[in-house]
Amino acid sequence: MNINLTEERDGLKIKNKNLANERNQLLTNITNLSEERDGLKIKNKNLTSERDQLLNKNKDLTKERDELTKERDQFSQERNGLRKMINEMDEYIYQSSLYLISSEKKNWAESRRYCTE
């Protein structure tokens, strides 16, 4: 009976040692997973910050695009108005220069000053 108890005790010691090793491995796994989790939290925080910056930049670029589109439309309207004016005056255009034919008689200097003004 003493031998059986000794064998049982030795078996329990081995089992206890194995359980202690398993516990240590689990603690190591927990530590590694905690470190990985903390790293992922930091990465998530950085990615969230980067996303927010990109969203703000996108918002600014969208606003800039809309302003440029508005300016382009205004320039198009102005260009079309100028084209219409030129088309109405095409009888006074010669080789890409505009000429005003007037019934008033002026000398060269007076005519030049009048056109300049």
N, C-alpha and C. Protein backbone atom coordinates (compact mmCIF):
# COMPACT_ATOMS: atom_id res chain seq x y z
N MET A 1 0.81 -1.18 0.00
CA MET A 1 0.00 0.00 0.00
C MET A 1 0.87 1.26 0.00
N ASN A 2 1.94 1.22 0.70
CA ASN A 2 2.87 2.34 0.74
C ASN A 2 3.45 2.59 -0.65
N ILE A 3 3.72 1.55 -1.38
CA ILE A 3 4.28 1.66 -2.73
C ILE A 3 3.24 2.31 -3.64
N ASN A 4 1.98 1.91 -3.51
CA ASN A 4 0.92 2.50 -4.33
C ASN A 4 0.77 3.99 -4.06
N LEU A 5 0.85 4.38 -2.81
CA LEU A 5 0.74 5.79 -2.45
C LEU A 5 1.93 6.57 -2.98
N THR A 6 3.11 5.99 -2.93
CA THR A 6 4.32 6.64 -3.45
C THR A 6 4.20 6.81 -4.95
N GLU A 7 3.73 5.78 -5.64
CA GLU A 7 3.56 5.88 -7.09
C GLU A 7 2.50 6.93 -7.43
N GLU A 8 1.44 6.94 -6.66
CA GLU A 8 0.38 7.90 -6.91
C GLU A 8 0.90 9.32 -6.66
N ARG A 9 1.68 9.48 -5.57
CA ARG A 9 2.26 10.78 -5.25
C ARG A 9 3.19 11.22 -6.38
N ASP A 10 4.04 10.32 -6.86
CA ASP A 10 4.96 10.65 -7.94
C ASP A 10 4.19 11.02 -9.22
N GLY A 11 3.12 10.29 -9.48
CA GLY A 11 2.27 10.59 -10.65
C GLY A 11 1.63 11.96 -10.53
N LEU A 12 1.17 12.27 -9.30
CA LEU A 12 0.56 13.58 -9.07
C LEU A 12 1.59 14.71 -9.19
N LYS A 13 2.82 14.44 -8.75
CA LYS A 13 3.89 15.43 -8.88
C LYS A 13 4.16 15.72 -10.36
N ILE A 14 4.21 14.66 -11.17
CA ILE A 14 4.46 14.82 -12.61
C ILE A 14 3.29 15.58 -13.24
N LYS A 15 2.07 15.18 -12.85
CA LYS A 15 0.89 15.86 -13.38
C LYS A 15 0.90 17.33 -12.98
N ASN A 16 1.28 17.60 -11.72
CA ASN A 16 1.35 18.96 -11.20
C ASN A 16 2.40 19.76 -11.98
N LYS A 17 3.55 19.13 -12.24
CA LYS A 17 4.62 19.79 -12.99
C LYS A 17 4.15 20.09 -14.42
N ASN A 18 3.46 19.13 -15.05
CA ASN A 18 2.93 19.34 -16.40
C ASN A 18 1.90 20.46 -16.43
N LEU A 19 1.02 20.47 -15.42
CA LEU A 19 0.02 21.54 -15.35
C LEU A 19 0.67 22.90 -15.13
N ALA A 20 1.74 22.94 -14.33
CA ALA A 20 2.47 24.19 -14.10
C ALA A 20 3.10 24.66 -15.41
N ASN A 21 3.68 23.73 -16.18
CA ASN A 21 4.26 24.09 -17.48
C ASN A 21 3.18 24.61 -18.43
N GLU A 22 2.06 23.92 -18.43
CA GLU A 22 0.95 24.34 -19.31
C GLU A 22 0.45 25.72 -18.90
N ARG A 23 0.34 25.94 -17.58
CA ARG A 23 -0.07 27.25 -17.08
C ARG A 23 0.91 28.33 -17.51
N ASN A 24 2.20 28.04 -17.41
CA ASN A 24 3.23 29.02 -17.81
C ASN A 24 3.13 29.32 -19.32
N GLN A 25 2.88 28.29 -20.11
CA GLN A 25 2.70 28.49 -21.56
C GLN A 25 1.47 29.35 -21.83
N LEU A 26 0.39 29.08 -21.11
CA LEU A 26 -0.82 29.89 -21.28
C LEU A 26 -0.59 31.33 -20.87
N LEU A 27 0.16 31.55 -19.77
CA LEU A 27 0.48 32.92 -19.34
C LEU A 27 1.33 33.63 -20.40
N THR A 28 2.28 32.87 -20.99
CA THR A 28 3.10 33.45 -22.06
C THR A 28 2.23 33.81 -23.25
N ASN A 29 1.30 32.90 -23.60
CA ASN A 29 0.37 33.18 -24.70
C ASN A 29 -0.48 34.41 -24.40
N ILE A 30 -0.95 34.52 -23.17
CA ILE A 30 -1.75 35.68 -22.77
C ILE A 30 -0.93 36.95 -22.91
N THR A 31 0.32 36.91 -22.46
CA THR A 31 1.20 38.08 -22.55
C THR A 31 1.42 38.46 -24.01
N ASN A 32 1.71 37.45 -24.85
CA ASN A 32 1.93 37.73 -26.28
C ASN A 32 0.68 38.30 -26.94
N LEU A 33 -0.47 37.72 -26.63
CA LEU A 33 -1.72 38.20 -27.20
C LEU A 33 -2.05 39.61 -26.70
N SER A 34 -1.73 39.90 -25.46
CA SER A 34 -1.96 41.24 -24.91
C SER A 34 -1.08 42.26 -25.63
N GLU A 35 0.18 41.89 -25.86
CA GLU A 35 1.08 42.79 -26.58
C GLU A 35 0.60 43.00 -28.02
N GLU A 36 0.15 41.92 -28.65
CA GLU A 36 -0.37 42.03 -30.01
C GLU A 36 -1.61 42.90 -30.04
N ARG A 37 -2.51 42.71 -29.06
CA ARG A 37 -3.71 43.53 -28.95
C ARG A 37 -3.35 45.00 -28.80
N ASP A 38 -2.38 45.29 -27.92
CA ASP A 38 -1.97 46.68 -27.70
C ASP A 38 -1.39 47.28 -28.98
N GLY A 39 -0.61 46.48 -29.70
CA GLY A 39 -0.06 46.94 -30.98
C GLY A 39 -1.15 47.22 -31.99
N LEU A 40 -2.17 46.35 -32.03
CA LEU A 40 -3.28 46.54 -32.94
C LEU A 40 -4.11 47.78 -32.56
N LYS A 41 -4.24 48.02 -31.26
CA LYS A 41 -4.95 49.22 -30.82
C LYS A 41 -4.23 50.48 -31.30
N ILE A 42 -2.89 50.48 -31.18
CA ILE A 42 -2.10 51.63 -31.63
C ILE A 42 -2.23 51.79 -33.14
N LYS A 43 -2.13 50.67 -33.87
CA LYS A 43 -2.26 50.71 -35.33
C LYS A 43 -3.65 51.22 -35.72
N ASN A 44 -4.68 50.76 -35.03
CA ASN A 44 -6.05 51.21 -35.30
C ASN A 44 -6.18 52.71 -35.05
N LYS A 45 -5.59 53.18 -33.96
CA LYS A 45 -5.64 54.61 -33.63
C LYS A 45 -4.95 55.42 -34.72
N ASN A 46 -3.78 54.96 -35.17
CA ASN A 46 -3.05 55.66 -36.23
C ASN A 46 -3.83 55.66 -37.54
N LEU A 47 -4.43 54.51 -37.88
CA LEU A 47 -5.21 54.42 -39.12
C LEU A 47 -6.45 55.30 -39.05
N THR A 48 -7.07 55.36 -37.88
CA THR A 48 -8.24 56.22 -37.70
C THR A 48 -7.85 57.68 -37.88
N SER A 49 -6.71 58.06 -37.32
CA SER A 49 -6.22 59.43 -37.47
C SER A 49 -5.92 59.73 -38.94
N GLU A 50 -5.27 58.79 -39.61
CA GLU A 50 -4.96 58.98 -41.04
C GLU A 50 -6.25 59.09 -41.85
N ARG A 51 -7.24 58.26 -41.55
CA ARG A 51 -8.53 58.31 -42.24
C ARG A 51 -9.18 59.67 -42.06
N ASP A 52 -9.15 60.18 -40.81
CA ASP A 52 -9.76 61.48 -40.53
C ASP A 52 -9.06 62.59 -41.31
N GLN A 53 -7.72 62.52 -41.39
CA GLN A 53 -6.96 63.50 -42.16
C GLN A 53 -7.33 63.42 -43.63
N LEU A 54 -7.45 62.20 -44.15
CA LEU A 54 -7.82 62.03 -45.57
C LEU A 54 -9.24 62.53 -45.84
N LEU A 55 -10.14 62.30 -44.89
CA LEU A 55 -11.51 62.79 -45.06
C LEU A 55 -11.53 64.32 -45.10
N ASN A 56 -10.74 64.95 -44.21
CA ASN A 56 -10.66 66.41 -44.20
C ASN A 56 -10.04 66.93 -45.50
N LYS A 57 -8.98 66.25 -45.97
CA LYS A 57 -8.34 66.66 -47.22
C LYS A 57 -9.32 66.50 -48.37
N ASN A 58 -10.08 65.40 -48.37
CA ASN A 58 -11.08 65.18 -49.41
C ASN A 58 -12.13 66.28 -49.38
N LYS A 59 -12.56 66.65 -48.19
CA LYS A 59 -13.55 67.72 -48.04
C LYS A 59 -13.00 69.03 -48.60
N ASP A 60 -11.74 69.35 -48.26
CA ASP A 60 -11.12 70.58 -48.76
C ASP A 60 -10.98 70.55 -50.28
N LEU A 61 -10.55 69.40 -50.82
CA LEU A 61 -10.38 69.29 -52.27
C LEU A 61 -11.73 69.36 -53.00
N THR A 62 -12.76 68.79 -52.40
CA THR A 62 -14.09 68.87 -52.99
C THR A 62 -14.56 70.32 -53.03
N LYS A 63 -14.33 71.04 -51.95
CA LYS A 63 -14.70 72.46 -51.89
C LYS A 63 -13.92 73.25 -52.94
N GLU A 64 -12.63 72.98 -53.04
CA GLU A 64 -11.79 73.67 -54.03
C GLU A 64 -12.28 73.35 -55.45
N ARG A 65 -12.60 72.07 -55.71
CA ARG A 65 -13.11 71.67 -57.03
C ARG A 65 -14.40 72.41 -57.35
N ASP A 66 -15.29 72.50 -56.37
CA ASP A 66 -16.57 73.19 -56.60
C ASP A 66 -16.35 74.67 -56.90
N GLU A 67 -15.40 75.30 -56.18
CA GLU A 67 -15.09 76.70 -56.43
C GLU A 67 -14.50 76.88 -57.82
N LEU A 68 -13.59 75.98 -58.21
CA LEU A 68 -12.98 76.07 -59.53
C LEU A 68 -14.03 75.83 -60.63
N THR A 69 -14.95 74.92 -60.39
CA THR A 69 -16.02 74.67 -61.35
C THR A 69 -16.88 75.92 -61.52
N LYS A 70 -17.18 76.56 -60.40
CA LYS A 70 -17.97 77.80 -60.43
C LYS A 70 -17.23 78.88 -61.22
N GLU A 71 -15.93 79.03 -60.94
CA GLU A 71 -15.12 80.01 -61.68
C GLU A 71 -15.09 79.68 -63.16
N ARG A 72 -14.92 78.40 -63.49
CA ARG A 72 -14.88 77.98 -64.89
C ARG A 72 -16.19 78.34 -65.59
N ASP A 73 -17.31 78.10 -64.90
CA ASP A 73 -18.61 78.42 -65.48
C ASP A 73 -18.75 79.93 -65.70
N GLN A 74 -18.25 80.71 -64.74
CA GLN A 74 -18.30 82.17 -64.89
C GLN A 74 -17.44 82.62 -66.07
N PHE A 75 -16.25 82.04 -66.19
CA PHE A 75 -15.38 82.38 -67.31
C PHE A 75 -16.01 81.96 -68.63
N SER A 76 -16.68 80.81 -68.64
CA SER A 76 -17.35 80.36 -69.86
C SER A 76 -18.44 81.33 -70.26
N GLN A 77 -19.21 81.80 -69.29
CA GLN A 77 -20.27 82.77 -69.58
C GLN A 77 -19.66 84.07 -70.11
N GLU A 78 -18.58 84.51 -69.47
CA GLU A 78 -17.92 85.74 -69.91
C GLU A 78 -17.35 85.55 -71.32
N ARG A 79 -16.72 84.42 -71.58
CA ARG A 79 -16.15 84.13 -72.90
C ARG A 79 -17.26 84.12 -73.95
N ASN A 80 -18.38 83.46 -73.61
CA ASN A 80 -19.49 83.41 -74.55
C ASN A 80 -20.05 84.81 -74.84
N GLY A 81 -20.11 85.63 -73.80
CA GLY A 81 -20.56 87.02 -73.98
C GLY A 81 -19.62 87.79 -74.88
N LEU A 82 -18.31 87.61 -74.67
CA LEU A 82 -17.33 88.28 -75.50
C LEU A 82 -17.40 87.78 -76.94
N ARG A 83 -17.57 86.49 -77.12
CA ARG A 83 -17.72 85.94 -78.47
C ARG A 83 -18.94 86.54 -79.17
N LYS A 84 -20.02 86.66 -78.40
CA LYS A 84 -21.23 87.23 -78.98
C LYS A 84 -20.99 88.68 -79.40
N MET A 85 -20.31 89.44 -78.54
CA MET A 85 -19.99 90.82 -78.88
C MET A 85 -19.12 90.88 -80.12
N ILE A 86 -18.12 90.00 -80.19
CA ILE A 86 -17.23 89.99 -81.35
C ILE A 86 -17.99 89.60 -82.61
N ASN A 87 -18.88 88.60 -82.47
CA ASN A 87 -19.69 88.19 -83.62
C ASN A 87 -20.56 89.33 -84.11
N GLU A 88 -21.07 90.13 -83.19
CA GLU A 88 -21.89 91.28 -83.57
C GLU A 88 -21.05 92.37 -84.24
N MET A 89 -19.75 92.36 -83.94
CA MET A 89 -18.87 93.39 -84.47
C MET A 89 -17.97 92.84 -85.58
N ASP A 90 -18.25 91.67 -86.11
CA ASP A 90 -17.31 91.04 -87.02
C ASP A 90 -17.05 91.86 -88.27
N GLU A 91 -17.92 92.81 -88.60
CA GLU A 91 -17.64 93.65 -89.76
C GLU A 91 -16.49 94.61 -89.49
N TYR A 92 -16.10 94.76 -88.24
CA TYR A 92 -15.00 95.65 -87.87
C TYR A 92 -13.72 94.89 -87.54
N ILE A 93 -13.74 93.57 -87.70
CA ILE A 93 -12.56 92.77 -87.39
C ILE A 93 -11.78 92.54 -88.69
N TYR A 94 -10.49 92.78 -88.60
CA TYR A 94 -9.63 92.52 -89.76
C TYR A 94 -8.31 91.97 -89.23
N GLN A 95 -7.96 90.79 -89.65
CA GLN A 95 -6.71 90.13 -89.24
C GLN A 95 -6.54 90.18 -87.72
N SER A 96 -7.55 89.75 -86.99
CA SER A 96 -7.54 89.65 -85.52
C SER A 96 -7.43 90.99 -84.81
N SER A 97 -7.67 92.08 -85.52
CA SER A 97 -7.67 93.40 -84.89
C SER A 97 -9.06 93.99 -85.00
N LEU A 98 -9.45 94.76 -84.01
CA LEU A 98 -10.75 95.41 -84.01
C LEU A 98 -10.60 96.85 -84.52
N TYR A 99 -11.50 97.24 -85.39
CA TYR A 99 -11.49 98.59 -85.94
C TYR A 99 -12.85 99.21 -85.71
N LEU A 100 -12.84 100.49 -85.36
CA LEU A 100 -14.08 101.23 -85.21
C LEU A 100 -14.15 102.24 -86.35
N ILE A 101 -15.19 102.11 -87.09
CA ILE A 101 -15.39 103.06 -88.19
C ILE A 101 -16.38 104.10 -87.68
N SER A 102 -15.90 105.32 -87.61
CA SER A 102 -16.71 106.39 -87.04
C SER A 102 -16.99 107.45 -88.12
N SER A 103 -18.10 108.11 -87.92
CA SER A 103 -18.44 109.19 -88.84
C SER A 103 -17.82 110.51 -88.38
N GLU A 104 -17.30 110.53 -87.16
CA GLU A 104 -16.67 111.75 -86.65
C GLU A 104 -15.28 111.89 -87.26
N LYS A 105 -14.91 113.11 -87.51
CA LYS A 105 -13.58 113.37 -88.08
C LYS A 105 -12.67 113.85 -86.97
N LYS A 106 -11.54 113.14 -86.78
CA LYS A 106 -10.54 113.50 -85.78
C LYS A 106 -9.18 113.24 -86.39
N ASN A 107 -8.18 113.93 -85.82
CA ASN A 107 -6.83 113.64 -86.30
C ASN A 107 -6.33 112.36 -85.62
N TRP A 108 -5.18 111.92 -86.01
CA TRP A 108 -4.62 110.65 -85.52
C TRP A 108 -4.51 110.65 -83.99
N ALA A 109 -3.94 111.66 -83.41
CA ALA A 109 -3.72 111.72 -81.96
C ALA A 109 -5.06 111.68 -81.21
N GLU A 110 -6.04 112.45 -81.67
CA GLU A 110 -7.35 112.45 -81.01
C GLU A 110 -8.04 111.09 -81.15
N SER A 111 -7.96 110.51 -82.33
CA SER A 111 -8.57 109.19 -82.55
C SER A 111 -7.92 108.14 -81.65
N ARG A 112 -6.61 108.19 -81.58
CA ARG A 112 -5.88 107.22 -80.74
C ARG A 112 -6.27 107.38 -79.27
N ARG A 113 -6.32 108.63 -78.78
CA ARG A 113 -6.69 108.88 -77.40
C ARG A 113 -8.12 108.37 -77.14
N TYR A 114 -9.03 108.61 -78.06
CA TYR A 114 -10.42 108.17 -77.93
C TYR A 114 -10.48 106.63 -77.83
N CYS A 115 -9.75 105.94 -78.67
CA CYS A 115 -9.75 104.47 -78.62
C CYS A 115 -9.12 103.96 -77.34
N THR A 116 -8.06 104.59 -76.91
CA THR A 116 -7.38 104.17 -75.69
C THR A 116 -8.29 104.32 -74.47
N GLU A 117 -9.00 105.41 -74.44
CA GLU A 117 -9.90 105.65 -73.32
C GLU A 117 -11.06 104.70 -73.37
